[in-house]
Amino acid sequence: MVGMMLPSVTPTVMIYSLVAKKAARDGKTVAATGFFISGYILIWIGFSLLATISQYTLEKLEVLSAMMVSNSNILGGAILLIAGVWQKISV
């Protein structure tokens, strides 16, 4: 997941690097660009672990098949309701 998402953040990292350099010239302190990238990578690793553990658990409970198809009408309905609510809220 990290390998797929890291290239998309490159422009943001470049902008952050420029802002950090300008802040350093102005005598202000900001986190180093390496910390910015490390935080981004850690967040995606955490998300990947959460998604993997969730999928594994759902498969073991036989609610989700190995092909990631819902075996449960309740799970399918819950996903449909969550998607509908997500579309209606403004994020």
C-alpha atoms as a PDB file:
ATOM      1  CA  MET A   1       0.000   0.000   0.000  1.00  0.00           C
ATOM      2  CA  VAL A   2       2.815   2.389   0.866  1.00  0.00           C
ATOM      3  CA  GLY A   3       4.556   1.747  -2.452  1.00  0.00           C
ATOM      4  CA  MET A   4       1.378   2.628  -4.305  1.00  0.00           C
ATOM      5  CA  MET A   5       0.565   5.782  -2.315  1.00  0.00           C
ATOM      6  CA  LEU A   6       4.036   7.307  -1.867  1.00  0.00           C
ATOM      7  CA  PRO A   7       4.393   8.603  -5.464  1.00  0.00           C
ATOM      8  CA  SER A   8       1.108  10.506  -5.163  1.00  0.00           C
ATOM      9  CA  VAL A   9       2.392  12.524  -2.196  1.00  0.00           C
ATOM     10  CA  THR A  10       5.609  13.624  -3.937  1.00  0.00           C
ATOM     11  CA  PRO A  11       4.266  17.090  -4.917  1.00  0.00           C
ATOM     12  CA  THR A  12       3.094  17.671  -1.352  1.00  0.00           C
ATOM     13  CA  VAL A  13       6.488  16.645   0.037  1.00  0.00           C
ATOM     14  CA  MET A  14       8.222  19.026  -2.344  1.00  0.00           C
ATOM     15  CA  ILE A  15       5.967  21.908  -1.277  1.00  0.00           C
ATOM     16  CA  TYR A  16       6.482  21.035   2.404  1.00  0.00           C
ATOM     17  CA  SER A  17      10.242  20.989   1.836  1.00  0.00           C
ATOM     18  CA  LEU A  18      10.140  24.486   0.322  1.00  0.00           C
ATOM     19  CA  VAL A  19       7.972  25.779   3.179  1.00  0.00           C
ATOM     20  CA  ALA A  20      10.335  24.213   5.734  1.00  0.00           C
ATOM     21  CA  LYS A  21      13.364  25.848   4.089  1.00  0.00           C
ATOM     22  CA  LYS A  22      11.632  29.238   4.081  1.00  0.00           C
ATOM     23  CA  ALA A  23      10.631  28.818   7.715  1.00  0.00           C
ATOM     24  CA  ALA A  24      14.227  27.945   8.624  1.00  0.00           C
ATOM     25  CA  ARG A  25      15.449  31.116   6.922  1.00  0.00           C
ATOM     26  CA  ASP A  26      12.873  33.104   8.881  1.00  0.00           C
ATOM     27  CA  GLY A  27      14.026  31.534  12.135  1.00  0.00           C
ATOM     28  CA  LYS A  28      10.886  29.436  12.661  1.00  0.00           C
ATOM     29  CA  THR A  29      11.006  25.757  13.524  1.00  0.00           C
ATOM     30  CA  VAL A  30       9.043  23.107  11.667  1.00  0.00           C
ATOM     31  CA  ALA A  31       9.412  19.358  11.490  1.00  0.00           C
ATOM     32  CA  ALA A  32      11.982  18.044   9.049  1.00  0.00           C
ATOM     33  CA  THR A  33      10.776  16.720   5.716  1.00  0.00           C
ATOM     34  CA  GLY A  34      11.955  13.239   6.730  1.00  0.00           C
ATOM     35  CA  PHE A  35       9.553  13.309   9.680  1.00  0.00           C
ATOM     36  CA  PHE A  36       6.749  14.366   7.345  1.00  0.00           C
ATOM     37  CA  ILE A  37       7.446  11.421   5.029  1.00  0.00           C
ATOM     38  CA  SER A  38       7.880   9.024   7.966  1.00  0.00           C
ATOM     39  CA  GLY A  39       4.508  10.031   9.371  1.00  0.00           C
ATOM     40  CA  TYR A  40       2.867   9.489   5.987  1.00  0.00           C
ATOM     41  CA  ILE A  41       4.427   6.038   5.669  1.00  0.00           C
ATOM     42  CA  LEU A  42       3.461   5.069   9.230  1.00  0.00           C
ATOM     43  CA  ILE A  43      -0.157   6.084   8.648  1.00  0.00           C
ATOM     44  CA  TRP A  44      -0.374   3.936   5.503  1.00  0.00           C
ATOM     45  CA  ILE A  45       1.302   0.986   7.235  1.00  0.00           C
ATOM     46  CA  GLY A  46      -1.237   1.300  10.057  1.00  0.00           C
ATOM     47  CA  PHE A  47      -4.131   1.434   7.603  1.00  0.00           C
ATOM     48  CA  SER A  48      -2.768  -1.591   5.727  1.00  0.00           C
ATOM     49  CA  LEU A  49      -2.483  -3.590   8.946  1.00  0.00           C
ATOM     50  CA  LEU A  50      -6.016  -2.631   9.975  1.00  0.00           C
ATOM     51  CA  ALA A  51      -7.421  -3.612   6.567  1.00  0.00           C
ATOM     52  CA  THR A  52      -5.537  -6.925   6.561  1.00  0.00           C
ATOM     53  CA  ILE A  53      -6.622  -7.835  10.088  1.00  0.00           C
ATOM     54  CA  SER A  54     -10.227  -6.879   9.287  1.00  0.00           C
ATOM     55  CA  GLN A  55     -10.291  -9.002   6.131  1.00  0.00           C
ATOM     56  CA  TYR A  56      -8.676 -11.956   7.908  1.00  0.00           C
ATOM     57  CA  THR A  57     -11.185 -11.723  10.766  1.00  0.00           C
ATOM     58  CA  LEU A  58     -14.179 -11.491   8.424  1.00  0.00           C
ATOM     59  CA  GLU A  59     -12.926 -14.523   6.479  1.00  0.00           C
ATOM     60  CA  LYS A  60     -12.424 -16.553   9.656  1.00  0.00           C
ATOM     61  CA  LEU A  61     -15.956 -15.657  10.777  1.00  0.00           C
ATOM     62  CA  GLU A  62     -17.117 -16.840   7.335  1.00  0.00           C
ATOM     63  CA  VAL A  63     -18.819 -13.522   6.710  1.00  0.00           C
ATOM     64  CA  LEU A  64     -16.522 -12.749   3.786  1.00  0.00           C
ATOM     65  CA  SER A  65     -15.315 -15.249   1.187  1.00  0.00           C
ATOM     66  CA  ALA A  66     -11.728 -15.541  -0.036  1.00  0.00           C
ATOM     67  CA  MET A  67     -12.882 -13.694  -3.175  1.00  0.00           C
ATOM     68  CA  MET A  68     -14.019 -10.804  -0.931  1.00  0.00           C
ATOM     69  CA  VAL A  69     -17.709 -11.506  -1.571  1.00  0.00           C
ATOM     70  CA  SER A  70     -20.097 -11.070   1.325  1.00  0.00           C
ATOM     71  CA  ASN A  71     -21.602 -14.321   2.590  1.00  0.00           C
ATOM     72  CA  SER A  72     -23.904 -12.404   4.907  1.00  0.00           C
ATOM     73  CA  ASN A  73     -27.016 -10.425   4.041  1.00  0.00           C
ATOM     74  CA  ILE A  74     -26.498  -8.398   7.225  1.00  0.00           C
ATOM     75  CA  LEU A  75     -22.945  -7.392   6.219  1.00  0.00           C
ATOM     76  CA  GLY A  76     -24.100  -6.517   2.698  1.00  0.00           C
ATOM     77  CA  GLY A  77     -26.947  -4.395   4.070  1.00  0.00           C
ATOM     78  CA  ALA A  78     -24.670  -2.666   6.575  1.00  0.00           C
ATOM     79  CA  ILE A  79     -22.167  -1.801   3.845  1.00  0.00           C
ATOM     80  CA  LEU A  80     -24.975  -0.450   1.674  1.00  0.00           C
ATOM     81  CA  LEU A  81     -26.333   1.697   4.534  1.00  0.00           C
ATOM     82  CA  ILE A  82     -22.876   3.018   5.424  1.00  0.00           C
ATOM     83  CA  ALA A  83     -22.229   3.924   1.775  1.00  0.00           C
ATOM     84  CA  GLY A  84     -25.590   5.733   1.582  1.00  0.00           C
ATOM     85  CA  VAL A  85     -24.931   7.709   4.757  1.00  0.00           C
ATOM     86  CA  TRP A  86     -21.407   8.517   3.567  1.00  0.00           C
ATOM     87  CA  GLN A  87     -22.804   9.983   0.335  1.00  0.00           C
ATOM     88  CA  LYS A  88     -25.248  12.203   2.233  1.00  0.00           C
ATOM     89  CA  ILE A  89     -22.787  13.709   4.714  1.00  0.00           C
ATOM     90  CA  SER A  90     -20.525  16.471   3.550  1.00  0.00           C
ATOM     91  CA  VAL A  91     -16.886  15.635   4.128  1.00  0.00           C
END
